[in-house]
């Protein structure tokens, strides 16, 4: 499985790419593999200020529905518009076309509490 080293990871299987006080978030290769074929993404949290570990949406696969948890405090500024018509992007390209939300981070140092690629690999390996 692929866990890019430039990302941080959560125990709930989200990844986050931090660029200054902005971030892009999605679910990991491991998570999409465990869920199976993704058929629907439901994210209604745009423009909401949220705390880390709050649920910002759900992902629906053929067999199950799973909550999506925010990795850090901040405000969601964008939801990936392509996922409505192409939820399978999460399966085929979880770190690229399959991103879920973009946000402004309240405190970028909060990311220090997240896992590195190596630590996440140990968790799921």
N, C-alpha and C. Protein backbone atom coordinates (compact mmCIF):
# COMPACT_ATOMS: atom_id res chain seq x y z
N UNK A 1 0.84 -1.18 0.00
CA UNK A 1 0.00 0.00 0.00
C UNK A 1 0.88 1.24 0.00
N UNK A 2 0.28 2.31 -0.43
CA UNK A 2 1.01 3.56 -0.63
C UNK A 2 0.66 4.56 0.48
N UNK A 3 1.69 5.03 1.19
CA UNK A 3 1.53 6.06 2.22
C UNK A 3 2.59 7.14 1.99
N UNK A 4 2.28 8.16 1.17
CA UNK A 4 3.27 9.19 0.86
C UNK A 4 3.86 9.84 2.11
N UNK A 5 5.18 10.03 2.08
CA UNK A 5 5.88 10.55 3.25
C UNK A 5 5.65 12.04 3.50
N UNK A 6 5.11 12.76 2.51
CA UNK A 6 4.86 14.20 2.70
C UNK A 6 3.52 14.47 3.39
N UNK A 7 2.78 13.43 3.72
CA UNK A 7 1.48 13.57 4.37
C UNK A 7 1.57 13.18 5.84
N UNK A 8 0.57 13.61 6.61
CA UNK A 8 0.38 13.16 7.98
C UNK A 8 -0.89 12.30 7.99
N UNK A 9 -1.01 11.44 9.00
CA UNK A 9 -2.11 10.47 9.04
C UNK A 9 -2.76 10.42 10.42
N UNK A 10 -4.03 9.98 10.44
CA UNK A 10 -4.76 9.83 11.70
C UNK A 10 -5.02 8.36 11.97
N UNK A 11 -5.34 8.05 13.20
CA UNK A 11 -5.71 6.68 13.58
C UNK A 11 -7.02 6.27 12.91
N UNK A 12 -7.80 7.26 12.46
CA UNK A 12 -9.08 6.98 11.80
C UNK A 12 -8.94 6.86 10.28
N UNK A 13 -7.69 6.87 9.78
CA UNK A 13 -7.36 6.60 8.38
C UNK A 13 -7.61 7.76 7.42
N UNK A 14 -7.53 9.00 7.95
CA UNK A 14 -7.52 10.15 7.08
C UNK A 14 -6.07 10.58 6.86
N UNK A 15 -5.82 11.22 5.72
CA UNK A 15 -4.51 11.84 5.46
C UNK A 15 -4.72 13.34 5.36
N UNK A 16 -3.65 14.09 5.61
CA UNK A 16 -3.70 15.54 5.51
C UNK A 16 -2.40 16.04 4.90
N UNK A 17 -2.53 16.91 3.92
CA UNK A 17 -1.40 17.60 3.31
C UNK A 17 -1.46 19.04 3.78
N UNK A 18 -0.46 19.47 4.53
CA UNK A 18 -0.46 20.82 5.10
C UNK A 18 0.48 21.71 4.29
N UNK A 19 -0.07 22.86 3.89
CA UNK A 19 0.70 23.86 3.15
C UNK A 19 0.44 25.21 3.81
N UNK A 20 1.34 25.58 4.73
CA UNK A 20 1.13 26.81 5.50
C UNK A 20 -0.04 26.62 6.45
N UNK A 21 -1.07 27.49 6.34
CA UNK A 21 -2.25 27.33 7.18
C UNK A 21 -3.42 26.72 6.40
N UNK A 22 -3.11 26.13 5.25
CA UNK A 22 -4.13 25.45 4.44
C UNK A 22 -3.82 23.96 4.42
N UNK A 23 -4.86 23.16 4.22
CA UNK A 23 -4.67 21.72 4.18
C UNK A 23 -5.67 21.07 3.24
N UNK A 24 -5.27 19.93 2.69
CA UNK A 24 -6.13 19.08 1.88
C UNK A 24 -6.24 17.76 2.63
N UNK A 25 -7.46 17.20 2.64
CA UNK A 25 -7.73 15.99 3.44
C UNK A 25 -8.46 14.95 2.59
N UNK A 26 -8.13 13.69 2.84
CA UNK A 26 -8.82 12.58 2.20
C UNK A 26 -8.67 11.34 3.07
N UNK A 27 -9.05 10.18 2.52
CA UNK A 27 -8.84 8.93 3.25
C UNK A 27 -7.69 8.17 2.61
N UNK A 28 -7.05 7.35 3.41
CA UNK A 28 -5.84 6.66 2.97
C UNK A 28 -6.12 5.51 2.01
N UNK A 29 -5.05 5.09 1.38
CA UNK A 29 -5.11 3.93 0.50
C UNK A 29 -5.63 2.71 1.27
N UNK A 30 -5.16 2.56 2.50
CA UNK A 30 -5.63 1.46 3.35
C UNK A 30 -7.14 1.55 3.57
N UNK A 31 -7.63 2.75 3.90
CA UNK A 31 -9.06 2.93 4.19
C UNK A 31 -9.92 2.60 2.98
N UNK A 32 -9.53 3.11 1.81
CA UNK A 32 -10.35 2.84 0.63
C UNK A 32 -10.32 1.36 0.28
N UNK A 33 -9.18 0.72 0.52
CA UNK A 33 -9.07 -0.72 0.25
C UNK A 33 -9.99 -1.52 1.18
N UNK A 34 -10.00 -1.14 2.46
CA UNK A 34 -10.85 -1.83 3.45
C UNK A 34 -12.34 -1.60 3.18
N UNK A 35 -12.70 -0.40 2.73
CA UNK A 35 -14.11 -0.09 2.47
C UNK A 35 -14.63 -0.79 1.21
N UNK A 36 -13.77 -0.94 0.23
CA UNK A 36 -14.21 -1.51 -1.05
C UNK A 36 -14.68 -0.41 -1.98
N UNK A 37 -15.52 -0.75 -2.92
CA UNK A 37 -15.95 0.22 -3.94
C UNK A 37 -16.76 1.34 -3.32
N UNK A 38 -16.24 2.57 -3.43
CA UNK A 38 -16.91 3.76 -2.92
C UNK A 38 -18.00 4.16 -3.91
N UNK A 39 -19.22 4.35 -3.40
CA UNK A 39 -20.34 4.69 -4.29
C UNK A 39 -20.92 6.08 -4.02
N UNK A 40 -20.61 6.68 -2.86
CA UNK A 40 -21.18 7.99 -2.54
C UNK A 40 -20.37 8.65 -1.44
N UNK A 41 -20.17 9.96 -1.59
CA UNK A 41 -19.51 10.77 -0.57
C UNK A 41 -20.50 11.83 -0.13
N UNK A 42 -20.72 11.98 1.18
CA UNK A 42 -21.65 12.98 1.70
C UNK A 42 -20.90 13.91 2.64
N UNK A 43 -20.63 15.12 2.15
CA UNK A 43 -19.93 16.12 2.95
C UNK A 43 -20.73 17.42 2.89
N UNK A 44 -21.30 17.80 4.02
CA UNK A 44 -22.11 19.02 4.11
C UNK A 44 -21.51 20.00 5.12
N UNK A 45 -20.19 20.06 5.18
CA UNK A 45 -19.56 20.87 6.22
C UNK A 45 -18.80 22.08 5.67
N UNK A 46 -19.04 22.42 4.40
CA UNK A 46 -18.35 23.57 3.82
C UNK A 46 -18.68 24.84 4.60
N UNK A 47 -17.65 25.64 4.82
CA UNK A 47 -17.73 26.92 5.55
C UNK A 47 -18.00 26.74 7.04
N UNK A 48 -17.89 25.53 7.55
CA UNK A 48 -18.08 25.29 8.98
C UNK A 48 -16.73 25.27 9.69
N UNK A 49 -16.70 25.90 10.86
CA UNK A 49 -15.54 25.83 11.74
C UNK A 49 -15.73 24.59 12.60
N UNK A 50 -14.71 23.72 12.61
CA UNK A 50 -14.84 22.44 13.30
C UNK A 50 -13.59 22.14 14.11
N UNK A 51 -13.74 21.24 15.05
CA UNK A 51 -12.64 20.79 15.90
C UNK A 51 -12.10 19.46 15.38
N UNK A 52 -10.84 19.19 15.72
CA UNK A 52 -10.24 17.91 15.36
C UNK A 52 -11.08 16.77 15.91
N UNK A 53 -11.19 15.72 15.12
CA UNK A 53 -11.92 14.50 15.43
C UNK A 53 -13.43 14.64 15.33
N UNK A 54 -13.93 15.81 14.91
CA UNK A 54 -15.36 15.95 14.61
C UNK A 54 -15.63 15.30 13.26
N UNK A 55 -16.85 14.82 13.06
CA UNK A 55 -17.25 14.19 11.81
C UNK A 55 -17.57 15.28 10.80
N UNK A 56 -16.86 15.26 9.65
CA UNK A 56 -17.12 16.27 8.62
C UNK A 56 -17.89 15.71 7.44
N UNK A 57 -18.16 14.41 7.44
CA UNK A 57 -18.93 13.80 6.36
C UNK A 57 -18.90 12.28 6.49
N UNK A 58 -19.44 11.63 5.46
CA UNK A 58 -19.43 10.17 5.43
C UNK A 58 -19.05 9.69 4.03
N UNK A 59 -18.52 8.49 4.00
CA UNK A 59 -18.22 7.83 2.74
C UNK A 59 -19.00 6.52 2.72
N UNK A 60 -19.70 6.29 1.60
CA UNK A 60 -20.53 5.10 1.49
C UNK A 60 -19.91 4.15 0.48
N UNK A 61 -19.69 2.93 0.92
CA UNK A 61 -19.20 1.88 0.03
C UNK A 61 -20.35 0.90 -0.20
N UNK A 62 -20.12 -0.08 -1.03
CA UNK A 62 -21.17 -1.05 -1.34
C UNK A 62 -21.68 -1.74 -0.08
N UNK A 63 -20.78 -2.03 0.88
CA UNK A 63 -21.16 -2.80 2.06
C UNK A 63 -21.36 -1.99 3.33
N UNK A 64 -20.90 -0.73 3.38
CA UNK A 64 -20.91 -0.02 4.65
C UNK A 64 -20.87 1.49 4.44
N UNK A 65 -21.16 2.23 5.52
CA UNK A 65 -21.00 3.67 5.56
C UNK A 65 -20.01 3.98 6.67
N UNK A 66 -19.07 4.88 6.41
CA UNK A 66 -18.05 5.20 7.38
C UNK A 66 -17.96 6.72 7.58
N UNK A 67 -17.80 7.14 8.83
CA UNK A 67 -17.66 8.56 9.13
C UNK A 67 -16.27 9.04 8.74
N UNK A 68 -16.20 10.34 8.42
CA UNK A 68 -14.94 11.01 8.11
C UNK A 68 -14.64 11.97 9.25
N UNK A 69 -13.43 11.88 9.81
CA UNK A 69 -13.06 12.68 10.97
C UNK A 69 -12.01 13.72 10.60
N UNK A 70 -12.21 14.96 11.02
CA UNK A 70 -11.28 16.03 10.74
C UNK A 70 -9.99 15.84 11.55
N UNK A 71 -8.82 15.93 10.91
CA UNK A 71 -7.56 15.71 11.64
C UNK A 71 -7.14 16.85 12.56
N UNK A 72 -7.49 18.10 12.22
CA UNK A 72 -7.08 19.27 13.00
C UNK A 72 -8.23 20.28 13.05
N UNK A 73 -8.14 21.23 13.99
CA UNK A 73 -9.15 22.30 14.08
C UNK A 73 -9.04 23.23 12.88
N UNK A 74 -10.18 23.71 12.41
CA UNK A 74 -10.17 24.68 11.33
C UNK A 74 -11.51 24.81 10.64
N UNK A 75 -11.50 25.50 9.51
CA UNK A 75 -12.71 25.77 8.73
C UNK A 75 -12.59 25.13 7.36
N UNK A 76 -13.58 24.34 7.00
CA UNK A 76 -13.59 23.69 5.68
C UNK A 76 -13.97 24.75 4.65
N UNK A 77 -13.11 24.91 3.65
CA UNK A 77 -13.30 25.95 2.65
C UNK A 77 -13.75 25.42 1.30
N UNK A 78 -13.54 24.13 1.06
CA UNK A 78 -13.87 23.57 -0.24
C UNK A 78 -14.13 22.08 -0.11
N UNK A 79 -15.11 21.60 -0.87
CA UNK A 79 -15.40 20.17 -0.98
C UNK A 79 -15.10 19.78 -2.43
N UNK A 80 -14.44 18.66 -2.62
CA UNK A 80 -14.08 18.22 -3.98
C UNK A 80 -15.34 18.04 -4.82
N UNK A 81 -15.55 18.92 -5.81
CA UNK A 81 -16.78 18.86 -6.61
C UNK A 81 -16.83 17.63 -7.52
N UNK A 82 -15.69 17.03 -7.83
CA UNK A 82 -15.65 15.89 -8.74
C UNK A 82 -16.16 14.60 -8.11
N UNK A 83 -16.20 14.55 -6.77
CA UNK A 83 -16.59 13.30 -6.11
C UNK A 83 -18.07 12.99 -6.24
N UNK A 84 -18.90 14.01 -6.49
CA UNK A 84 -20.33 13.74 -6.65
C UNK A 84 -20.57 12.82 -7.84
N UNK A 85 -19.95 13.12 -8.96
CA UNK A 85 -20.12 12.30 -10.16
C UNK A 85 -19.15 11.13 -10.22
N UNK A 86 -18.03 11.24 -9.50
CA UNK A 86 -16.97 10.23 -9.59
C UNK A 86 -16.46 9.81 -8.20
N UNK A 87 -17.31 9.23 -7.35
CA UNK A 87 -16.84 8.82 -6.03
C UNK A 87 -15.73 7.77 -6.10
N UNK A 88 -15.64 7.06 -7.24
CA UNK A 88 -14.61 6.04 -7.42
C UNK A 88 -13.20 6.63 -7.48
N UNK A 89 -13.07 7.97 -7.62
CA UNK A 89 -11.74 8.60 -7.55
C UNK A 89 -11.06 8.27 -6.21
N UNK A 90 -11.87 8.10 -5.16
CA UNK A 90 -11.31 7.77 -3.85
C UNK A 90 -10.61 6.41 -3.90
N UNK A 91 -11.16 5.48 -4.68
CA UNK A 91 -10.53 4.16 -4.84
C UNK A 91 -9.33 4.21 -5.77
N UNK A 92 -9.47 4.89 -6.89
CA UNK A 92 -8.42 4.85 -7.91
C UNK A 92 -7.27 5.81 -7.64
N UNK A 93 -7.52 6.91 -6.92
CA UNK A 93 -6.49 7.92 -6.69
C UNK A 93 -6.73 8.64 -5.36
N UNK A 94 -6.60 7.91 -4.22
CA UNK A 94 -6.98 8.49 -2.93
C UNK A 94 -6.17 9.72 -2.52
N UNK A 95 -4.94 9.86 -3.05
CA UNK A 95 -4.10 11.00 -2.66
C UNK A 95 -4.09 12.10 -3.73
N UNK A 96 -4.81 11.89 -4.81
CA UNK A 96 -4.86 12.86 -5.90
C UNK A 96 -6.28 13.31 -6.15
N UNK A 97 -6.90 12.78 -7.22
CA UNK A 97 -8.26 13.16 -7.58
C UNK A 97 -9.29 12.83 -6.50
N UNK A 98 -8.93 11.91 -5.58
CA UNK A 98 -9.86 11.47 -4.54
C UNK A 98 -9.83 12.30 -3.27
N UNK A 99 -9.15 13.47 -3.27
CA UNK A 99 -9.17 14.32 -2.07
C UNK A 99 -10.61 14.69 -1.74
N UNK A 100 -10.89 14.97 -0.48
CA UNK A 100 -12.27 15.23 -0.07
C UNK A 100 -12.55 16.68 0.27
N UNK A 101 -11.73 17.28 1.13
CA UNK A 101 -11.96 18.68 1.50
C UNK A 101 -10.64 19.44 1.58
N UNK A 102 -10.78 20.76 1.47
CA UNK A 102 -9.68 21.68 1.75
C UNK A 102 -10.14 22.54 2.91
N UNK A 103 -9.18 22.97 3.72
CA UNK A 103 -9.54 23.74 4.91
C UNK A 103 -8.46 24.74 5.26
N UNK A 104 -8.84 25.72 6.08
CA UNK A 104 -7.90 26.63 6.71
C UNK A 104 -7.71 26.11 8.13
N UNK A 105 -6.46 25.92 8.52
CA UNK A 105 -6.13 25.35 9.83
C UNK A 105 -6.03 26.47 10.86
N UNK A 106 -6.63 26.24 12.03
CA UNK A 106 -6.53 27.21 13.12
C UNK A 106 -5.12 27.31 13.66
N UNK A 107 -4.46 26.16 13.85
CA UNK A 107 -3.12 26.13 14.42
C UNK A 107 -2.30 25.03 13.73
N UNK A 108 -1.45 25.40 12.74
CA UNK A 108 -0.70 24.38 12.01
C UNK A 108 0.14 23.45 12.89
N UNK A 109 0.53 23.89 14.07
CA UNK A 109 1.33 23.02 14.94
C UNK A 109 0.52 21.83 15.47
N UNK A 110 -0.82 21.88 15.35
CA UNK A 110 -1.65 20.73 15.75
C UNK A 110 -1.27 19.47 14.97
N UNK A 111 -0.74 19.66 13.77
CA UNK A 111 -0.36 18.51 12.94
C UNK A 111 0.77 17.71 13.55
N UNK A 112 1.49 18.29 14.50
CA UNK A 112 2.57 17.56 15.16
C UNK A 112 2.05 16.35 15.93
N UNK A 113 0.75 16.35 16.27
CA UNK A 113 0.13 15.24 17.00
C UNK A 113 -0.29 14.10 16.08
N UNK A 114 -0.15 14.28 14.77
CA UNK A 114 -0.56 13.27 13.80
C UNK A 114 0.61 12.33 13.48
N UNK A 115 0.30 11.22 12.81
CA UNK A 115 1.32 10.21 12.52
C UNK A 115 2.06 10.49 11.22
N UNK A 116 3.32 10.09 11.21
CA UNK A 116 4.10 10.10 9.98
C UNK A 116 3.68 8.89 9.13
N UNK A 117 4.15 8.84 7.90
CA UNK A 117 3.86 7.69 7.04
C UNK A 117 4.36 6.39 7.67
N UNK A 118 5.54 6.46 8.29
CA UNK A 118 6.12 5.25 8.91
C UNK A 118 5.27 4.77 10.08
N UNK A 119 4.83 5.72 10.91
CA UNK A 119 4.00 5.36 12.07
C UNK A 119 2.64 4.81 11.62
N UNK A 120 2.07 5.42 10.58
CA UNK A 120 0.78 4.94 10.08
C UNK A 120 0.94 3.54 9.49
N UNK A 121 2.00 3.32 8.76
CA UNK A 121 2.26 2.01 8.18
C UNK A 121 2.38 0.95 9.27
N UNK A 122 3.00 1.30 10.38
CA UNK A 122 3.10 0.38 11.53
C UNK A 122 1.73 0.09 12.12
N UNK A 123 0.86 1.10 12.15
CA UNK A 123 -0.49 0.94 12.69
C UNK A 123 -1.29 -0.06 11.86
N UNK A 124 -1.24 0.08 10.55
CA UNK A 124 -2.09 -0.75 9.69
C UNK A 124 -1.38 -1.99 9.17
N UNK A 125 -0.04 -2.03 9.32
CA UNK A 125 0.74 -3.14 8.78
C UNK A 125 0.54 -4.37 9.58
